[in-house]
Amino acid sequence: METVLLILGILLFTGGVFFMLVAAIATARLPDVYCRSHGVGKAMTLGIILLLLGYGVLVDDVAWWKIFLAIGFQFGTIPVASHLFCLVAYRKKVRRWSARGWVQD
């Protein structure tokens, strides 16, 4: 049973690191603030949740209520912050990217 938990924890950690890496690449590669905010918001939320679950599986004496509280906090803050970045950019009339090129609303 301990081997199964070790493998599960490593898989969760690997998945979390993968999605955090995707978020970092999204920040560098996507063309505008709207795309970057979307890419970072989704990948970062999933990456942090997988890392927290992996931590919970690998550590023997862990308070699961704290992990679930942290996961709930991540669900409540990262998407809202991502939305607010886009809202500020939209109100400041930051150009956005489309298939035709840069668009100014």
PDB file of N, CA and C in Angstrom:
ATOM      1  N   MET A   1       0.826  -1.201   0.000  1.00  0.00           N
ATOM      2  CA  MET A   1       0.000   0.000   0.000  1.00  0.00           C
ATOM      3  C   MET A   1       0.865   1.257   0.000  1.00  0.00           C
ATOM      4  N   GLU A   2       1.987   1.179   0.717  1.00  0.00           N
ATOM      5  CA  GLU A   2       2.857   2.346   0.789  1.00  0.00           C
ATOM      6  C   GLU A   2       3.496   2.644  -0.564  1.00  0.00           C
ATOM      7  N   THR A   3       3.785   1.606  -1.328  1.00  0.00           N
ATOM      8  CA  THR A   3       4.356   1.792  -2.665  1.00  0.00           C
ATOM      9  C   THR A   3       3.349   2.456  -3.596  1.00  0.00           C
ATOM     10  N   VAL A   4       2.085   2.065  -3.475  1.00  0.00           N
ATOM     11  CA  VAL A   4       1.033   2.660  -4.301  1.00  0.00           C
ATOM     12  C   VAL A   4       0.888   4.148  -3.972  1.00  0.00           C
ATOM     13  N   LEU A   5       0.923   4.488  -2.690  1.00  0.00           N
ATOM     14  CA  LEU A   5       0.823   5.890  -2.289  1.00  0.00           C
ATOM     15  C   LEU A   5       2.034   6.689  -2.755  1.00  0.00           C
ATOM     16  N   LEU A   6       3.200   6.078  -2.723  1.00  0.00           N
ATOM     17  CA  LEU A   6       4.408   6.742  -3.199  1.00  0.00           C
ATOM     18  C   LEU A   6       4.309   7.025  -4.692  1.00  0.00           C
ATOM     19  N   ILE A   7       3.869   6.053  -5.463  1.00  0.00           N
ATOM     20  CA  ILE A   7       3.720   6.238  -6.916  1.00  0.00           C
ATOM     21  C   ILE A   7       2.654   7.281  -7.205  1.00  0.00           C
ATOM     22  N   LEU A   8       1.532   7.229  -6.492  1.00  0.00           N
ATOM     23  CA  LEU A   8       0.470   8.218  -6.685  1.00  0.00           C
ATOM     24  C   LEU A   8       0.957   9.622  -6.345  1.00  0.00           C
ATOM     25  N   GLY A   9       1.688   9.760  -5.247  1.00  0.00           N
ATOM     26  CA  GLY A   9       2.223  11.062  -4.864  1.00  0.00           C
ATOM     27  C   GLY A   9       3.198  11.603  -5.893  1.00  0.00           C
ATOM     28  N   ILE A  10       4.061  10.736  -6.405  1.00  0.00           N
ATOM     29  CA  ILE A  10       5.017  11.174  -7.426  1.00  0.00           C
ATOM     30  C   ILE A  10       4.293  11.579  -8.702  1.00  0.00           C
ATOM     31  N   LEU A  11       3.261  10.822  -9.084  1.00  0.00           N
ATOM     32  CA  LEU A  11       2.482  11.185 -10.279  1.00  0.00           C
ATOM     33  C   LEU A  11       1.768  12.525 -10.097  1.00  0.00           C
ATOM     34  N   LEU A  12       1.219  12.755  -8.913  1.00  0.00           N
ATOM     35  CA  LEU A  12       0.552  14.032  -8.647  1.00  0.00           C
ATOM     36  C   LEU A  12       1.554  15.184  -8.691  1.00  0.00           C
ATOM     37  N   PHE A  13       2.713  14.989  -8.080  1.00  0.00           N
ATOM     38  CA  PHE A  13       3.752  16.020  -8.114  1.00  0.00           C
ATOM     39  C   PHE A  13       4.219  16.282  -9.541  1.00  0.00           C
ATOM     40  N   THR A  14       4.412  15.226 -10.314  1.00  0.00           N
ATOM     41  CA  THR A  14       4.852  15.382 -11.699  1.00  0.00           C
ATOM     42  C   THR A  14       3.803  16.130 -12.520  1.00  0.00           C
ATOM     43  N   GLY A  15       2.539  15.789 -12.310  1.00  0.00           N
ATOM     44  CA  GLY A  15       1.465  16.515 -12.999  1.00  0.00           C
ATOM     45  C   GLY A  15       1.419  17.975 -12.597  1.00  0.00           C
ATOM     46  N   GLY A  16       1.612  18.245 -11.320  1.00  0.00           N
ATOM     47  CA  GLY A  16       1.622  19.630 -10.848  1.00  0.00           C
ATOM     48  C   GLY A  16       2.768  20.430 -11.439  1.00  0.00           C
ATOM     49  N   VAL A  17       3.955  19.825 -11.470  1.00  0.00           N
ATOM     50  CA  VAL A  17       5.110  20.503 -12.055  1.00  0.00           C
ATOM     51  C   VAL A  17       4.892  20.731 -13.547  1.00  0.00           C
ATOM     52  N   PHE A  18       4.277  19.750 -14.233  1.00  0.00           N
ATOM     53  CA  PHE A  18       3.994  19.905 -15.653  1.00  0.00           C
ATOM     54  C   PHE A  18       3.081  21.109 -15.909  1.00  0.00           C
ATOM     55  N   PHE A  19       2.002  21.216 -15.150  1.00  0.00           N
ATOM     56  CA  PHE A  19       1.079  22.325 -15.377  1.00  0.00           C
ATOM     57  C   PHE A  19       1.673  23.670 -14.960  1.00  0.00           C
ATOM     58  N   MET A  20       2.538  23.667 -13.953  1.00  0.00           N
ATOM     59  CA  MET A  20       3.230  24.918 -13.604  1.00  0.00           C
ATOM     60  C   MET A  20       4.172  25.326 -14.733  1.00  0.00           C
ATOM     61  N   LEU A  21       4.821  24.353 -15.354  1.00  0.00           N
ATOM     62  CA  LEU A  21       5.683  24.630 -16.504  1.00  0.00           C
ATOM     63  C   LEU A  21       4.867  25.148 -17.681  1.00  0.00           C
ATOM     64  N   VAL A  22       3.699  24.573 -17.904  1.00  0.00           N
ATOM     65  CA  VAL A  22       2.806  25.061 -18.965  1.00  0.00           C
ATOM     66  C   VAL A  22       2.407  26.512 -18.691  1.00  0.00           C
ATOM     67  N   ALA A  23       2.134  26.848 -17.443  1.00  0.00           N
ATOM     68  CA  ALA A  23       1.785  28.228 -17.094  1.00  0.00           C
ATOM     69  C   ALA A  23       2.949  29.176 -17.363  1.00  0.00           C
ATOM     70  N   ALA A  24       4.165  28.739 -17.057  1.00  0.00           N
ATOM     71  CA  ALA A  24       5.333  29.584 -17.317  1.00  0.00           C
ATOM     72  C   ALA A  24       5.544  29.777 -18.814  1.00  0.00           C
ATOM     73  N   ILE A  25       5.368  28.720 -19.585  1.00  0.00           N
ATOM     74  CA  ILE A  25       5.510  28.831 -21.040  1.00  0.00           C
ATOM     75  C   ILE A  25       4.405  29.708 -21.609  1.00  0.00           C
ATOM     76  N   ALA A  26       3.196  29.595 -21.071  1.00  0.00           N
ATOM     77  CA  ALA A  26       2.090  30.435 -21.539  1.00  0.00           C
ATOM     78  C   ALA A  26       2.389  31.907 -21.306  1.00  0.00           C
ATOM     79  N   THR A  27       3.025  32.221 -20.196  1.00  0.00           N
ATOM     80  CA  THR A  27       3.377  33.611 -19.922  1.00  0.00           C
ATOM     81  C   THR A  27       4.363  34.144 -20.956  1.00  0.00           C
ATOM     82  N   ALA A  28       5.272  33.309 -21.370  1.00  0.00           N
ATOM     83  CA  ALA A  28       6.315  33.755 -22.305  1.00  0.00           C
ATOM     84  C   ALA A  28       5.866  33.713 -23.759  1.00  0.00           C
ATOM     85  N   ARG A  29       5.000  32.774 -24.135  1.00  0.00           N
ATOM     86  CA  ARG A  29       4.732  32.540 -25.545  1.00  0.00           C
ATOM     87  C   ARG A  29       3.430  33.140 -26.078  1.00  0.00           C
ATOM     88  N   LEU A  30       2.434  33.324 -25.252  1.00  0.00           N
ATOM     89  CA  LEU A  30       1.150  33.812 -25.762  1.00  0.00           C
ATOM     90  C   LEU A  30       1.233  35.301 -26.093  1.00  0.00           C
ATOM     91  N   PRO A  31       0.451  35.759 -27.080  1.00  0.00           N
ATOM     92  CA  PRO A  31       0.686  37.090 -27.648  1.00  0.00           C
ATOM     93  C   PRO A  31       0.215  38.284 -26.823  1.00  0.00           C
ATOM     94  N   ASP A  32      -0.878  38.169 -26.095  1.00  0.00           N
ATOM     95  CA  ASP A  32      -1.385  39.360 -25.405  1.00  0.00           C
ATOM     96  C   ASP A  32      -1.802  39.029 -23.976  1.00  0.00           C
ATOM     97  N   VAL A  33      -2.177  40.067 -23.242  1.00  0.00           N
ATOM     98  CA  VAL A  33      -2.482  39.913 -21.819  1.00  0.00           C
ATOM     99  C   VAL A  33      -3.710  39.032 -21.600  1.00  0.00           C
ATOM    100  N   TYR A  34      -4.648  39.046 -22.516  1.00  0.00           N
ATOM    101  CA  TYR A  34      -5.861  38.245 -22.366  1.00  0.00           C
ATOM    102  C   TYR A  34      -5.544  36.757 -22.486  1.00  0.00           C
ATOM    103  N   CYS A  35      -4.784  36.398 -23.498  1.00  0.00           N
ATOM    104  CA  CYS A  35      -4.382  34.990 -23.672  1.00  0.00           C
ATOM    105  C   CYS A  35      -3.480  34.536 -22.531  1.00  0.00           C
ATOM    106  N   ARG A  36      -2.553  35.378 -22.139  1.00  0.00           N
ATOM    107  CA  ARG A  36      -1.636  35.017 -21.048  1.00  0.00           C
ATOM    108  C   ARG A  36      -2.392  34.808 -19.742  1.00  0.00           C
ATOM    109  N   SER A  37      -3.324  35.677 -19.466  1.00  0.00           N
ATOM    110  CA  SER A  37      -4.096  35.562 -18.237  1.00  0.00           C
ATOM    111  C   SER A  37      -4.908  34.271 -18.227  1.00  0.00           C
ATOM    112  N   HIS A  38      -5.481  33.935 -19.356  1.00  0.00           N
ATOM    113  CA  HIS A  38      -6.261  32.697 -19.449  1.00  0.00           C
ATOM    114  C   HIS A  38      -5.361  31.478 -19.263  1.00  0.00           C
ATOM    115  N   GLY A  39      -4.238  31.465 -19.968  1.00  0.00           N
ATOM    116  CA  GLY A  39      -3.331  30.329 -19.876  1.00  0.00           C
ATOM    117  C   GLY A  39      -2.751  30.144 -18.486  1.00  0.00           C
ATOM    118  N   VAL A  40      -2.346  31.228 -17.881  1.00  0.00           N
ATOM    119  CA  VAL A  40      -1.767  31.148 -16.535  1.00  0.00           C
ATOM    120  C   VAL A  40      -2.834  30.789 -15.509  1.00  0.00           C
ATOM    121  N   GLY A  41      -4.012  31.369 -15.625  1.00  0.00           N
ATOM    122  CA  GLY A  41      -5.064  31.108 -14.646  1.00  0.00           C
ATOM    123  C   GLY A  41      -5.478  29.651 -14.594  1.00  0.00           C
ATOM    124  N   LYS A  42      -5.659  29.035 -15.747  1.00  0.00           N
ATOM    125  CA  LYS A  42      -6.082  27.630 -15.780  1.00  0.00           C
ATOM    126  C   LYS A  42      -4.955  26.691 -15.345  1.00  0.00           C
ATOM    127  N   ALA A  43      -3.786  26.853 -15.957  1.00  0.00           N
ATOM    128  CA  ALA A  43      -2.688  25.923 -15.683  1.00  0.00           C
ATOM    129  C   ALA A  43      -2.164  26.069 -14.256  1.00  0.00           C
ATOM    130  N   MET A  44      -2.087  27.291 -13.760  1.00  0.00           N
ATOM    131  CA  MET A  44      -1.573  27.501 -12.405  1.00  0.00           C
ATOM    132  C   MET A  44      -2.525  26.906 -11.363  1.00  0.00           C
ATOM    133  N   THR A  45      -3.821  27.066 -11.561  1.00  0.00           N
ATOM    134  CA  THR A  45      -4.781  26.502 -10.622  1.00  0.00           C
ATOM    135  C   THR A  45      -4.644  24.985 -10.557  1.00  0.00           C
ATOM    136  N   LEU A  46      -4.616  24.343 -11.713  1.00  0.00           N
ATOM    137  CA  LEU A  46      -4.503  22.892 -11.737  1.00  0.00           C
ATOM    138  C   LEU A  46      -3.148  22.432 -11.196  1.00  0.00           C
ATOM    139  N   GLY A  47      -2.083  23.141 -11.522  1.00  0.00           N
ATOM    140  CA  GLY A  47      -0.760  22.761 -11.044  1.00  0.00           C
ATOM    141  C   GLY A  47      -0.641  22.835  -9.535  1.00  0.00           C
ATOM    142  N   ILE A  48      -1.130  23.917  -8.947  1.00  0.00           N
ATOM    143  CA  ILE A  48      -1.049  24.057  -7.490  1.00  0.00           C
ATOM    144  C   ILE A  48      -1.907  23.006  -6.792  1.00  0.00           C
ATOM    145  N   ILE A  49      -3.078  22.709  -7.346  1.00  0.00           N
ATOM    146  CA  ILE A  49      -3.948  21.704  -6.737  1.00  0.00           C
ATOM    147  C   ILE A  49      -3.288  20.325  -6.782  1.00  0.00           C
ATOM    148  N   LEU A  50      -2.685  19.972  -7.908  1.00  0.00           N
ATOM    149  CA  LEU A  50      -2.007  18.681  -7.995  1.00  0.00           C
ATOM    150  C   LEU A  50      -0.816  18.612  -7.044  1.00  0.00           C
ATOM    151  N   LEU A  51      -0.067  19.705  -6.917  1.00  0.00           N
ATOM    152  CA  LEU A  51       1.052  19.717  -5.974  1.00  0.00           C
ATOM    153  C   LEU A  51       0.564  19.551  -4.529  1.00  0.00           C
ATOM    154  N   LEU A  52      -0.520  20.226  -4.176  1.00  0.00           N
ATOM    155  CA  LEU A  52      -1.052  20.091  -2.815  1.00  0.00           C
ATOM    156  C   LEU A  52      -1.558  18.677  -2.543  1.00  0.00           C
ATOM    157  N   LEU A  53      -2.232  18.073  -3.521  1.00  0.00           N
ATOM    158  CA  LEU A  53      -2.702  16.699  -3.336  1.00  0.00           C
ATOM    159  C   LEU A  53      -1.524  15.725  -3.247  1.00  0.00           C
ATOM    160  N   GLY A  54      -0.500  15.952  -4.055  1.00  0.00           N
ATOM    161  CA  GLY A  54       0.689  15.114  -3.976  1.00  0.00           C
ATOM    162  C   GLY A  54       1.369  15.223  -2.623  1.00  0.00           C
ATOM    163  N   TYR A  55       1.433  16.435  -2.106  1.00  0.00           N
ATOM    164  CA  TYR A  55       1.992  16.636  -0.759  1.00  0.00           C
ATOM    165  C   TYR A  55       1.178  15.870   0.275  1.00  0.00           C
ATOM    166  N   GLY A  56      -0.135  15.945   0.162  1.00  0.00           N
ATOM    167  CA  GLY A  56      -0.988  15.248   1.107  1.00  0.00           C
ATOM    168  C   GLY A  56      -0.834  13.741   1.060  1.00  0.00           C
ATOM    169  N   VAL A  57      -0.614  13.214  -0.132  1.00  0.00           N
ATOM    170  CA  VAL A  57      -0.447  11.767  -0.264  1.00  0.00           C
ATOM    171  C   VAL A  57       0.920  11.321   0.255  1.00  0.00           C
ATOM    172  N   LEU A  58       1.958  12.104   0.008  1.00  0.00           N
ATOM    173  CA  LEU A  58       3.314  11.689   0.366  1.00  0.00           C
ATOM    174  C   LEU A  58       3.658  11.877   1.848  1.00  0.00           C
ATOM    175  N   VAL A  59       3.100  12.885   2.483  1.00  0.00           N
ATOM    176  CA  VAL A  59       3.418  13.148   3.884  1.00  0.00           C
ATOM    177  C   VAL A  59       2.470  12.330   4.771  1.00  0.00           C
ATOM    178  N   ASP A  60       3.044  11.632   5.725  1.00  0.00           N
ATOM    179  CA  ASP A  60       2.242  10.730   6.562  1.00  0.00           C
ATOM    180  C   ASP A  60       1.281  11.471   7.486  1.00  0.00           C
ATOM    181  N   ASP A  61       1.796  12.417   8.244  1.00  0.00           N
ATOM    182  CA  ASP A  61       0.984  13.105   9.248  1.00  0.00           C
ATOM    183  C   ASP A  61       0.581  14.472   8.711  1.00  0.00           C
ATOM    184  N   VAL A  62      -0.436  14.492   7.863  1.00  0.00           N
ATOM    185  CA  VAL A  62      -0.861  15.734   7.228  1.00  0.00           C
ATOM    186  C   VAL A  62      -2.304  16.042   7.643  1.00  0.00           C
ATOM    187  N   ALA A  63      -2.590  17.305   7.798  1.00  0.00           N
ATOM    188  CA  ALA A  63      -3.954  17.735   8.111  1.00  0.00           C
ATOM    189  C   ALA A  63      -4.679  17.987   6.787  1.00  0.00           C
ATOM    190  N   TRP A  64      -5.518  17.037   6.399  1.00  0.00           N
ATOM    191  CA  TRP A  64      -6.188  17.140   5.102  1.00  0.00           C
ATOM    192  C   TRP A  64      -7.120  18.348   5.034  1.00  0.00           C
ATOM    193  N   TRP A  65      -7.649  18.760   6.164  1.00  0.00           N
ATOM    194  CA  TRP A  65      -8.547  19.917   6.129  1.00  0.00           C
ATOM    195  C   TRP A  65      -7.795  21.170   5.707  1.00  0.00           C
ATOM    196  N   LYS A  66      -6.499  21.251   6.080  1.00  0.00           N
ATOM    197  CA  LYS A  66      -5.700  22.400   5.656  1.00  0.00           C
ATOM    198  C   LYS A  66      -5.421  22.352   4.158  1.00  0.00           C
ATOM    199  N   ILE A  67      -5.180  21.160   3.646  1.00  0.00           N
ATOM    200  CA  ILE A  67      -4.937  21.026   2.206  1.00  0.00           C
ATOM    201  C   ILE A  67      -6.201  21.389   1.430  1.00  0.00           C
ATOM    202  N   PHE A  68      -7.349  20.890   1.868  1.00  0.00           N
ATOM    203  CA  PHE A  68      -8.591  21.225   1.172  1.00  0.00           C
ATOM    204  C   PHE A  68      -8.942  22.705   1.326  1.00  0.00           C
ATOM    205  N   LEU A  69      -8.592  23.292   2.442  1.00  0.00           N
ATOM    206  CA  LEU A  69      -8.789  24.728   2.616  1.00  0.00           C
ATOM    207  C   LEU A  69      -7.907  25.514   1.639  1.00  0.00           C
ATOM    208  N   ALA A  70      -6.657  25.085   1.491  1.00  0.00           N
ATOM    209  CA  ALA A  70      -5.753  25.744   0.540  1.00  0.00           C
ATOM    210  C   ALA A  70      -6.232  25.556  -0.890  1.00  0.00           C
ATOM    211  N   ILE A  71      -6.751  24.381  -1.214  1.00  0.00           N
ATOM    212  CA  ILE A  71      -7.287  24.144  -2.562  1.00  0.00           C
ATOM    213  C   ILE A  71      -8.495  25.035  -2.804  1.00  0.00           C
ATOM    214  N   GLY A  72      -9.377  25.135  -1.827  1.00  0.00           N
ATOM    215  CA  GLY A  72     -10.537  26.036  -1.971  1.00  0.00           C
ATOM    216  C   GLY A  72     -10.113  27.481  -2.138  1.00  0.00           C
ATOM    217  N   PHE A  73      -9.072  27.880  -1.415  1.00  0.00           N
ATOM    218  CA  PHE A  73      -8.560  29.233  -1.546  1.00  0.00           C
ATOM    219  C   PHE A  73      -8.003  29.465  -2.953  1.00  0.00           C
ATOM    220  N   GLN A  74      -7.325  28.473  -3.502  1.00  0.00           N
ATOM    221  CA  GLN A  74      -6.784  28.607  -4.857  1.00  0.00           C
ATOM    222  C   GLN A  74      -7.910  28.708  -5.887  1.00  0.00           C
ATOM    223  N   PHE A  75      -8.956  27.904  -5.722  1.00  0.00           N
ATOM    224  CA  PHE A  75     -10.110  27.990  -6.626  1.00  0.00           C
ATOM    225  C   PHE A  75     -10.790  29.348  -6.526  1.00  0.00           C
ATOM    226  N   GLY A  76     -10.724  29.961  -5.354  1.00  0.00           N
ATOM    227  CA  GLY A  76     -11.389  31.242  -5.165  1.00  0.00           C
ATOM    228  C   GLY A  76     -10.574  32.453  -5.564  1.00  0.00           C
ATOM    229  N   THR A  77      -9.256  32.327  -5.614  1.00  0.00           N
ATOM    230  CA  THR A  77      -8.434  33.519  -5.865  1.00  0.00           C
ATOM    231  C   THR A  77      -7.797  33.572  -7.253  1.00  0.00           C
ATOM    232  N   ILE A  78      -7.253  32.476  -7.743  1.00  0.00           N
ATOM    233  CA  ILE A  78      -6.534  32.535  -9.024  1.00  0.00           C
ATOM    234  C   ILE A  78      -7.466  32.890 -10.186  1.00  0.00           C
ATOM    235  N   PRO A  79      -8.631  32.253 -10.340  1.00  0.00           N
ATOM    236  CA  PRO A  79      -9.503  32.663 -11.448  1.00  0.00           C
ATOM    237  C   PRO A  79     -10.013  34.097 -11.319  1.00  0.00           C
ATOM    238  N   VAL A  80     -10.278  34.529 -10.098  1.00  0.00           N
ATOM    239  CA  VAL A  80     -10.745  35.911  -9.910  1.00  0.00           C
ATOM    240  C   VAL A  80      -9.639  36.907 -10.270  1.00  0.00           C
ATOM    241  N   ALA A  81      -8.409  36.632  -9.848  1.00  0.00           N
ATOM    242  CA  ALA A  81      -7.295  37.512 -10.188  1.00  0.00           C
ATOM    243  C   ALA A  81      -7.063  37.533 -11.689  1.00  0.00           C
ATOM    244  N   SER A  82      -7.179  36.390 -12.337  1.00  0.00           N
ATOM    245  CA  SER A  82      -7.022  36.318 -13.787  1.00  0.00           C
ATOM    246  C   SER A  82      -8.090  37.167 -14.488  1.00  0.00           C
ATOM    247  N   HIS A  83      -9.307  37.075 -14.014  1.00  0.00           N
ATOM    248  CA  HIS A  83     -10.391  37.874 -14.580  1.00  0.00           C
ATOM    249  C   HIS A  83     -10.146  39.366 -14.363  1.00  0.00           C
ATOM    250  N   LEU A  84      -9.673  39.731 -13.195  1.00  0.00           N
ATOM    251  CA  LEU A  84      -9.435  41.147 -12.908  1.00  0.00           C
ATOM    252  C   LEU A  84      -8.299  41.722 -13.750  1.00  0.00           C
ATOM    253  N   PHE A  85      -7.254  40.925 -14.019  1.00  0.00           N
ATOM    254  CA  PHE A  85      -6.201  41.390 -14.928  1.00  0.00           C
ATOM    255  C   PHE A  85      -6.778  41.708 -16.300  1.00  0.00           C
ATOM    256  N   CYS A  86      -7.630  40.816 -16.795  1.00  0.00           N
ATOM    257  CA  CYS A  86      -8.244  41.048 -18.114  1.00  0.00           C
ATOM    258  C   CYS A  86      -9.183  42.252 -18.082  1.00  0.00           C
ATOM    259  N   LEU A  87      -9.911  42.425 -17.001  1.00  0.00           N
ATOM    260  CA  LEU A  87     -10.820  43.559 -16.889  1.00  0.00           C
ATOM    261  C   LEU A  87     -10.060  44.887 -16.888  1.00  0.00           C
ATOM    262  N   VAL A  88      -8.974  44.968 -16.165  1.00  0.00           N
ATOM    263  CA  VAL A  88      -8.149  46.182 -16.148  1.00  0.00           C
ATOM    264  C   VAL A  88      -7.564  46.441 -17.533  1.00  0.00           C
ATOM    265  N   ALA A  89      -7.079  45.390 -18.189  1.00  0.00           N
ATOM    266  CA  ALA A  89      -6.525  45.556 -19.539  1.00  0.00           C
ATOM    267  C   ALA A  89      -7.600  46.028 -20.513  1.00  0.00           C
ATOM    268  N   TYR A  90      -8.802  45.491 -20.393  1.00  0.00           N
ATOM    269  CA  TYR A  90      -9.899  45.894 -21.282  1.00  0.00           C
ATOM    270  C   TYR A  90     -10.276  47.361 -21.038  1.00  0.00           C
ATOM    271  N   ARG A  91     -10.347  47.764 -19.779  1.00  0.00           N
ATOM    272  CA  ARG A  91     -10.721  49.155 -19.474  1.00  0.00           C
ATOM    273  C   ARG A  91      -9.640  50.141 -19.882  1.00  0.00           C
ATOM    274  N   LYS A  92      -8.400  49.704 -19.900  1.00  0.00           N
ATOM    275  CA  LYS A  92      -7.310  50.567 -20.354  1.00  0.00           C
ATOM    276  C   LYS A  92      -7.101  50.474 -21.861  1.00  0.00           C
ATOM    277  N   LYS A  93      -7.987  49.719 -22.533  1.00  0.00           N
ATOM    278  CA  LYS A  93      -7.978  49.565 -23.987  1.00  0.00           C
ATOM    279  C   LYS A  93      -6.659  48.992 -24.509  1.00  0.00           C
ATOM    280  N   VAL A  94      -6.186  47.947 -23.831  1.00  0.00           N
ATOM    281  CA  VAL A  94      -4.991  47.241 -24.292  1.00  0.00           C
ATOM    282  C   VAL A  94      -5.372  46.437 -25.534  1.00  0.00           C
ATOM    283  N   ARG A  95      -4.527  46.508 -26.546  1.00  0.00           N
ATOM    284  CA  ARG A  95      -4.822  45.794 -27.785  1.00  0.00           C
ATOM    285  C   ARG A  95      -4.874  44.295 -27.532  1.00  0.00           C
ATOM    286  N   ARG A  96      -5.704  43.629 -28.308  1.00  0.00           N
ATOM    287  CA  ARG A  96      -5.803  42.171 -28.198  1.00  0.00           C
ATOM    288  C   ARG A  96      -5.436  41.529 -29.527  1.00  0.00           C
ATOM    289  N   TRP A  97      -5.093  40.270 -29.462  1.00  0.00           N
ATOM    290  CA  TRP A  97      -4.676  39.522 -30.631  1.00  0.00           C
ATOM    291  C   TRP A  97      -5.856  38.735 -31.187  1.00  0.00           C
ATOM    292  N   SER A  98      -5.986  38.694 -32.501  1.00  0.00           N
ATOM    293  CA  SER A  98      -6.981  37.830 -33.145  1.00  0.00           C
ATOM    294  C   SER A  98      -6.298  37.131 -34.310  1.00  0.00           C
ATOM    295  N   ALA A  99      -7.060  36.333 -35.036  1.00  0.00           N
ATOM    296  CA  ALA A  99      -6.490  35.611 -36.182  1.00  0.00           C
ATOM    297  C   ALA A  99      -6.052  36.575 -37.285  1.00  0.00           C
ATOM    298  N   ARG A 100      -6.642  37.755 -37.330  1.00  0.00           N
ATOM    299  CA  ARG A 100      -6.283  38.754 -38.351  1.00  0.00           C
ATOM    300  C   ARG A 100      -5.089  39.607 -37.917  1.00  0.00           C
ATOM    301  N   GLY A 101      -4.662  39.479 -36.690  1.00  0.00           N
ATOM    302  CA  GLY A 101      -3.558  40.296 -36.181  1.00  0.00           C
ATOM    303  C   GLY A 101      -4.037  41.081 -34.972  1.00  0.00           C
ATOM    304  N   TRP A 102      -3.334  42.175 -34.687  1.00  0.00           N
ATOM    305  CA  TRP A 102      -3.668  42.985 -33.512  1.00  0.00           C
ATOM    306  C   TRP A 102      -4.923  43.791 -33.766  1.00  0.00           C
ATOM    307  N   VAL A 103      -5.821  43.823 -32.772  1.00  0.00           N
ATOM    308  CA  VAL A 103      -7.104  44.530 -32.876  1.00  0.00           C
ATOM    309  C   VAL A 103      -7.179  45.550 -31.759  1.00  0.00           C
ATOM    310  N   GLN A 104      -7.631  46.737 -32.084  1.00  0.00           N
ATOM    311  CA  GLN A 104      -7.865  47.781 -31.077  1.00  0.00           C
ATOM    312  C   GLN A 104      -9.350  48.008 -30.974  1.00  0.00           C
ATOM    313  N   ASP A 105      -9.931  47.785 -29.801  1.00  0.00           N
ATOM    314  CA  ASP A 105     -11.389  48.017 -29.627  1.00  0.00           C
ATOM    315  C   ASP A 105     -11.683  49.461 -29.354  1.00  0.00           C
TER     316      ASP A 105
END
